[in-house]
Amino acid sequence: MPRVAFGYKCQECGQGAVLEKIFPEYKTKVKGYPLVVENARIGVCDRCGAEHFDPNETVRWRALLQEKQSEFYLRPDDIKHLRKELGLPMEQFAALLGCTRQSLYNWERSDRTVPQSRMADLFMRLIRESRSLGQIDVLGYLTAQAEKAGFHLAISSKAKPTAPILAFARKIPLSKLSTQVHHTLSLAADTESQQEAVALVTEDNNAIATLSYDYQDAKLILLFLHAVPFVEFDAEIRFKDGKQTTGEHATIKNQEATVLTKTTHTEEDVAQIRLLPQELLSTSESK
């Protein structure tokens, strides 16, 4: 392919001249991968600054990328060694990778001209790492590999989802509840019979909250005994008469949340509640 002779009129602005310029370190992307090309030969319009490229030069860039990427790909011997270490014949290793036997055969050839795909390479690296180290941080490993290839990834952190909580309504003496809840409910007690509270108790017999009914506003209120890692939840409520209902988007404030409004069902009617956390606390809030 003949080398392009710069000096022609710019096709972008139609006025300037495209002149050759040598960039000592030209940052670009080839096939989507970042690449720094030394002494890149580029035509630049002396009027609008538009860049024009010589096809021969871009061929050189692709060769540079292939040379650079060869450092990040498992070599044929590495792949063959991994397969034999796993004790798998070619057909079975190909099945593990989700590729064809022919593809695997080509990747293991010492005279290959094209390496395995980036995805297949990362998969084999993960297999090798997990066999060597046991459990590994897959996302952390892949991020580090992307960094080596020139991609700087900022992966957002996400709080661990909280599993649904199934709790059963049980009457418990106030003396067995936390001091804070004991004090709050005792202030509202008018008779000796009110010295018990309806608590929500989990399957492993841990009391997590108390239930009370606000007769003035017809609300069913839940008061958590301890801080929880979520601020909003849905509540699937089953009553002793077999009826069920759902309180949606209950929000916790000062460890208290209204699970039902405009209801005639009191805490005495509740058989069980399944809490479905929706909005979780951030890491800083939960500390």
Protein backbone atom coordinates (compact mmCIF):
# COMPACT_ATOMS: atom_id res chain seq x y z
CA MET A 1 0.00 0.00 0.00
CA PRO A 2 1.58 3.32 -1.08
CA ARG A 3 2.32 5.85 1.62
CA VAL A 4 -0.01 8.85 1.71
CA ALA A 5 1.65 12.12 0.68
CA PHE A 6 0.18 14.84 2.86
CA GLY A 7 -0.14 18.40 1.59
CA TYR A 8 -3.60 18.15 0.05
CA LYS A 9 -6.59 20.39 0.82
CA CYS A 10 -8.51 19.50 3.99
CA GLN A 11 -11.79 17.74 3.23
CA GLU A 12 -13.25 18.86 6.56
CA CYS A 13 -13.05 22.64 6.20
CA GLY A 14 -12.18 22.82 2.49
CA GLN A 15 -9.70 25.63 3.11
CA GLY A 16 -6.66 24.47 5.06
CA ALA A 17 -3.79 22.25 3.97
CA VAL A 18 -3.17 18.84 5.55
CA LEU A 19 0.46 18.77 6.69
CA GLU A 20 2.44 15.89 8.13
CA LYS A 21 3.07 15.98 11.86
CA ILE A 22 4.94 13.49 14.04
CA PHE A 23 3.50 12.91 17.52
CA PRO A 24 6.10 11.46 19.95
CA GLU A 25 3.34 9.81 22.05
CA TYR A 26 -0.06 9.71 20.39
CA LYS A 27 -2.94 8.40 22.53
CA THR A 28 -5.60 6.59 20.54
CA LYS A 29 -7.82 3.52 20.51
CA VAL A 30 -7.44 0.58 18.18
CA LYS A 31 -10.27 -1.98 18.09
CA GLY A 32 -11.62 -0.33 21.23
CA TYR A 33 -8.37 -0.77 23.18
CA PRO A 34 -6.35 2.23 24.42
CA LEU A 35 -2.92 2.51 22.82
CA VAL A 36 -0.05 4.98 23.02
CA VAL A 37 1.78 5.12 19.68
CA GLU A 38 5.34 6.38 19.58
CA ASN A 39 6.22 8.70 16.69
CA ALA A 40 2.78 8.52 15.13
CA ARG A 41 2.64 10.00 11.61
CA ILE A 42 -0.58 11.99 11.19
CA GLY A 43 -1.80 14.65 8.79
CA VAL A 44 -3.17 17.75 10.53
CA CYS A 45 -5.09 20.57 8.87
CA ASP A 46 -3.28 23.87 9.42
CA ARG A 47 -6.61 25.69 9.62
CA CYS A 48 -9.23 23.56 11.44
CA GLY A 49 -6.92 21.03 13.11
CA ALA A 50 -8.71 17.99 11.65
CA GLU A 51 -6.59 14.83 11.74
CA HIS A 52 -6.06 12.65 8.67
CA PHE A 53 -4.59 9.15 8.78
CA ASP A 54 -2.35 7.17 6.50
CA PRO A 55 -3.68 3.59 6.08
CA ASN A 56 -0.11 2.26 6.34
CA GLU A 57 0.24 4.01 9.66
CA THR A 58 -2.95 2.49 11.06
CA VAL A 59 -1.75 -0.96 9.96
CA ARG A 60 1.37 -0.32 12.04
CA TRP A 61 -0.81 0.64 14.98
CA ARG A 62 -2.78 -2.61 14.77
CA ALA A 63 0.51 -4.52 14.79
CA LEU A 64 1.61 -2.57 17.86
CA LEU A 65 -1.65 -3.40 19.60
CA GLN A 66 -1.28 -7.10 18.80
CA GLU A 67 2.27 -7.04 20.14
CA LYS A 68 1.13 -5.29 23.32
CA GLN A 69 -1.82 -7.62 23.83
CA SER A 70 0.32 -10.71 23.45
CA GLU A 71 1.65 -9.87 26.92
CA PHE A 72 -1.85 -10.17 28.38
CA TYR A 73 -2.89 -13.45 26.74
CA LEU A 74 -2.12 -16.93 27.96
CA ARG A 75 0.41 -18.57 25.68
CA PRO A 76 -0.29 -21.91 23.99
CA ASP A 77 1.85 -23.76 26.53
CA ASP A 78 0.01 -22.03 29.40
CA ILE A 79 -3.35 -23.23 28.09
CA LYS A 80 -2.12 -26.76 27.50
CA HIS A 81 -0.56 -26.89 30.97
CA LEU A 82 -3.80 -25.70 32.60
CA ARG A 83 -5.84 -28.29 30.73
CA LYS A 84 -3.50 -31.13 31.72
CA GLU A 85 -3.36 -29.90 35.31
CA LEU A 86 -7.15 -30.21 35.42
CA GLY A 87 -6.84 -33.71 33.99
CA LEU A 88 -9.22 -32.98 31.12
CA PRO A 89 -8.95 -34.13 27.51
CA MET A 90 -9.40 -31.47 24.87
CA GLU A 91 -13.10 -32.20 24.31
CA GLN A 92 -13.97 -31.86 27.99
CA PHE A 93 -11.88 -28.72 28.54
CA ALA A 94 -13.58 -27.15 25.53
CA ALA A 95 -16.95 -28.04 27.07
CA LEU A 96 -15.88 -26.38 30.33
CA LEU A 97 -14.91 -23.19 28.51
CA GLY A 98 -17.99 -23.21 26.29
CA CYS A 99 -15.98 -23.26 23.08
CA THR A 100 -15.44 -25.78 20.30
CA ARG A 101 -12.68 -28.36 20.30
CA GLN A 102 -11.30 -26.78 17.12
CA SER A 103 -11.02 -23.38 18.79
CA LEU A 104 -9.16 -24.88 21.73
CA TYR A 105 -6.89 -26.80 19.36
CA ASN A 106 -6.03 -23.56 17.56
CA TRP A 107 -5.29 -21.75 20.83
CA GLU A 108 -2.87 -24.47 21.91
CA ARG A 109 -0.93 -24.47 18.64
CA SER A 110 2.59 -23.13 19.06
CA ASP A 111 2.49 -21.60 15.59
CA ARG A 112 -0.85 -19.85 16.06
CA THR A 113 -1.22 -16.41 14.48
CA VAL A 114 -4.28 -15.31 16.45
CA PRO A 115 -4.72 -15.80 20.22
CA GLN A 116 -7.92 -16.79 21.99
CA SER A 117 -10.63 -14.19 22.52
CA ARG A 118 -10.22 -11.84 25.45
CA MET A 119 -13.28 -13.39 27.12
CA ALA A 120 -11.93 -16.94 26.80
CA ASP A 121 -8.53 -15.79 28.05
CA LEU A 122 -10.04 -14.17 31.16
CA PHE A 123 -12.15 -17.26 31.81
CA MET A 124 -9.08 -19.50 31.69
CA ARG A 125 -7.16 -17.11 33.94
CA LEU A 126 -9.98 -17.21 36.48
CA ILE A 127 -9.93 -21.01 36.41
CA ARG A 128 -6.18 -21.00 36.94
CA GLU A 129 -6.37 -18.47 39.79
CA SER A 130 -9.20 -20.27 41.58
CA ARG A 131 -7.36 -23.59 41.31
CA SER A 132 -4.25 -22.00 42.76
CA LEU A 133 -5.78 -19.77 45.46
CA GLY A 134 -9.21 -21.24 46.12
CA GLN A 135 -11.89 -18.58 46.52
CA ILE A 136 -11.05 -15.33 44.74
CA ASP A 137 -12.65 -11.92 44.32
CA VAL A 138 -13.81 -12.34 40.71
CA LEU A 139 -14.80 -8.71 40.22
CA GLY A 140 -11.56 -7.46 41.76
CA TYR A 141 -9.50 -9.80 39.58
CA LEU A 142 -11.27 -8.77 36.37
CA THR A 143 -10.92 -5.10 37.28
CA ALA A 144 -7.16 -5.55 37.78
CA GLN A 145 -6.87 -7.31 34.42
CA ALA A 146 -8.76 -4.48 32.71
CA GLU A 147 -6.38 -2.00 34.36
CA LYS A 148 -3.42 -3.81 32.82
CA ALA A 149 -5.05 -3.45 29.40
CA GLY A 150 -5.45 0.29 29.90
CA PHE A 151 -9.06 0.46 31.08
CA HIS A 152 -9.58 2.30 34.37
CA LEU A 153 -12.87 1.06 35.80
CA ALA A 154 -14.72 2.75 38.67
CA ILE A 155 -17.12 0.09 39.89
CA SER A 156 -19.73 1.38 42.30
CA SER A 157 -20.02 -0.33 45.64
CA LYS A 158 -23.35 -1.83 46.58
CA ALA A 159 -24.58 -2.83 49.96
CA LYS A 160 -25.35 -6.48 50.47
CA PRO A 161 -29.05 -7.12 50.01
CA THR A 162 -30.88 -8.03 53.19
CA ALA A 163 -32.89 -11.24 53.09
CA PRO A 164 -36.59 -11.27 53.99
CA ILE A 165 -37.26 -11.62 57.72
CA LEU A 166 -40.06 -13.90 58.92
CA ALA A 167 -41.27 -13.16 62.45
CA PHE A 168 -44.15 -14.48 64.56
CA ALA A 169 -46.34 -12.44 66.91
CA ARG A 170 -45.85 -13.52 70.54
CA LYS A 171 -46.85 -11.96 73.84
CA ILE A 172 -43.74 -11.24 75.90
CA PRO A 173 -43.41 -9.61 79.35
CA LEU A 174 -42.08 -6.05 79.13
CA SER A 175 -39.30 -7.00 81.52
CA LYS A 176 -37.76 -9.22 78.83
CA LEU A 177 -37.60 -6.45 76.24
CA SER A 178 -34.99 -3.72 75.91
CA THR A 179 -34.96 -0.90 78.47
CA GLN A 180 -35.94 1.70 75.86
CA VAL A 181 -39.01 -0.21 74.64
CA HIS A 182 -39.91 -1.28 78.20
CA HIS A 183 -39.95 2.35 79.30
CA THR A 184 -41.95 3.54 76.29
CA LEU A 185 -44.67 0.92 76.65
CA SER A 186 -44.82 1.23 80.43
CA LEU A 187 -45.73 4.90 80.15
CA ALA A 188 -48.75 3.95 78.08
CA ALA A 189 -49.87 1.16 80.42
CA ASP A 190 -53.02 1.79 82.41
CA THR A 191 -53.63 -1.70 83.77
CA GLU A 192 -51.63 -4.72 84.82
CA SER A 193 -52.73 -6.59 81.69
CA GLN A 194 -50.79 -4.09 79.60
CA GLN A 195 -47.47 -5.11 81.15
CA GLU A 196 -47.06 -7.53 78.26
CA ALA A 197 -46.26 -6.52 74.69
CA VAL A 198 -46.87 -8.24 71.38
CA ALA A 199 -43.41 -8.83 69.99
CA LEU A 200 -42.21 -10.12 66.65
CA VAL A 201 -40.01 -13.14 67.24
CA THR A 202 -37.88 -14.80 64.56
CA GLU A 203 -37.61 -18.53 63.96
CA ASP A 204 -34.46 -18.66 66.13
CA ASN A 205 -36.46 -17.08 69.00
CA ASN A 206 -35.00 -13.57 68.79
CA ALA A 207 -37.37 -10.67 69.48
CA ILE A 208 -36.75 -7.98 66.84
CA ALA A 209 -39.66 -5.57 67.32
CA THR A 210 -42.92 -4.88 69.11
CA LEU A 211 -46.34 -4.24 67.63
CA SER A 212 -48.87 -1.72 68.91
CA TYR A 213 -52.12 -0.23 67.69
CA ASP A 214 -52.86 3.50 67.60
CA TYR A 215 -56.62 3.68 68.23
CA GLN A 216 -56.78 7.41 67.51
CA ASP A 217 -55.28 7.16 64.00
CA ALA A 218 -56.17 3.50 63.33
CA LYS A 219 -52.54 2.55 62.63
CA LEU A 220 -50.58 -0.63 63.24
CA ILE A 221 -47.12 0.39 64.40
CA LEU A 222 -43.89 -1.58 64.53
CA LEU A 223 -41.07 -0.53 66.88
CA PHE A 224 -37.69 -2.17 66.27
CA LEU A 225 -35.77 -3.22 69.38
CA HIS A 226 -32.42 -2.64 67.64
CA ALA A 227 -31.14 -0.71 64.63
CA VAL A 228 -31.63 -2.51 61.30
CA PRO A 229 -29.66 -2.11 58.01
CA PHE A 230 -32.62 -0.83 56.00
CA VAL A 231 -34.84 2.25 56.03
CA GLU A 232 -37.80 1.08 53.96
CA PHE A 233 -39.60 -2.24 53.77
CA ASP A 234 -42.80 -3.97 52.74
CA ALA A 235 -44.65 -6.06 55.31
CA GLU A 236 -46.64 -9.16 54.40
CA ILE A 237 -49.02 -9.61 57.32
CA ARG A 238 -51.02 -12.74 58.13
CA PHE A 239 -53.72 -12.49 60.78
CA LYS A 240 -55.00 -15.14 63.17
CA ASP A 241 -58.27 -15.42 61.19
CA GLY A 242 -56.29 -16.49 58.10
CA LYS A 243 -56.64 -13.18 56.24
CA GLN A 244 -53.57 -11.56 54.71
CA THR A 245 -52.59 -8.07 53.63
CA THR A 246 -49.48 -6.13 52.64
CA GLY A 247 -48.21 -2.86 54.02
CA GLU A 248 -46.08 -1.20 51.34
CA HIS A 249 -43.19 1.26 51.61
CA ALA A 250 -43.08 1.43 55.40
CA THR A 251 -40.35 3.88 56.39
CA ILE A 252 -38.36 3.61 59.61
CA LYS A 253 -37.83 6.76 61.67
CA ASN A 254 -36.34 6.56 65.15
CA GLN A 255 -36.69 2.77 64.86
CA GLU A 256 -40.46 3.08 64.38
CA ALA A 257 -42.57 2.41 61.29
CA THR A 258 -46.26 2.33 60.46
CA VAL A 259 -47.02 -0.92 58.64
CA LEU A 260 -50.79 -0.40 58.17
CA THR A 261 -53.05 2.66 58.15
CA LYS A 262 -56.83 2.95 58.38
CA THR A 263 -57.06 -0.57 59.73
CA THR A 264 -59.22 -2.20 62.40
CA HIS A 265 -56.69 -4.97 62.94
CA THR A 266 -54.79 -4.51 66.19
CA GLU A 267 -51.55 -6.13 67.32
CA GLU A 268 -53.65 -8.84 68.98
CA ASP A 269 -54.92 -9.97 65.57
CA VAL A 270 -51.48 -10.54 64.02
CA ALA A 271 -50.14 -14.08 63.58
CA GLN A 272 -46.94 -13.35 61.64
CA ILE A 273 -45.22 -10.69 59.56
CA ARG A 274 -42.72 -11.15 56.75
CA LEU A 275 -40.48 -8.09 56.35
CA LEU A 276 -39.16 -7.41 52.85
CA PRO A 277 -36.34 -4.81 53.02
CA GLN A 278 -36.41 -2.40 50.07
CA GLU A 279 -34.13 0.58 50.63
CA LEU A 280 -30.88 -0.26 52.44
CA LEU A 281 -28.74 1.99 54.55
CA SER A 282 -25.48 3.16 52.95
CA THR A 283 -22.21 1.94 54.43
CA SER A 284 -21.61 5.24 56.23
CA GLU A 285 -25.13 5.29 57.69
CA SER A 286 -24.91 1.76 59.00
CA LYS A 287 -21.72 2.34 60.93
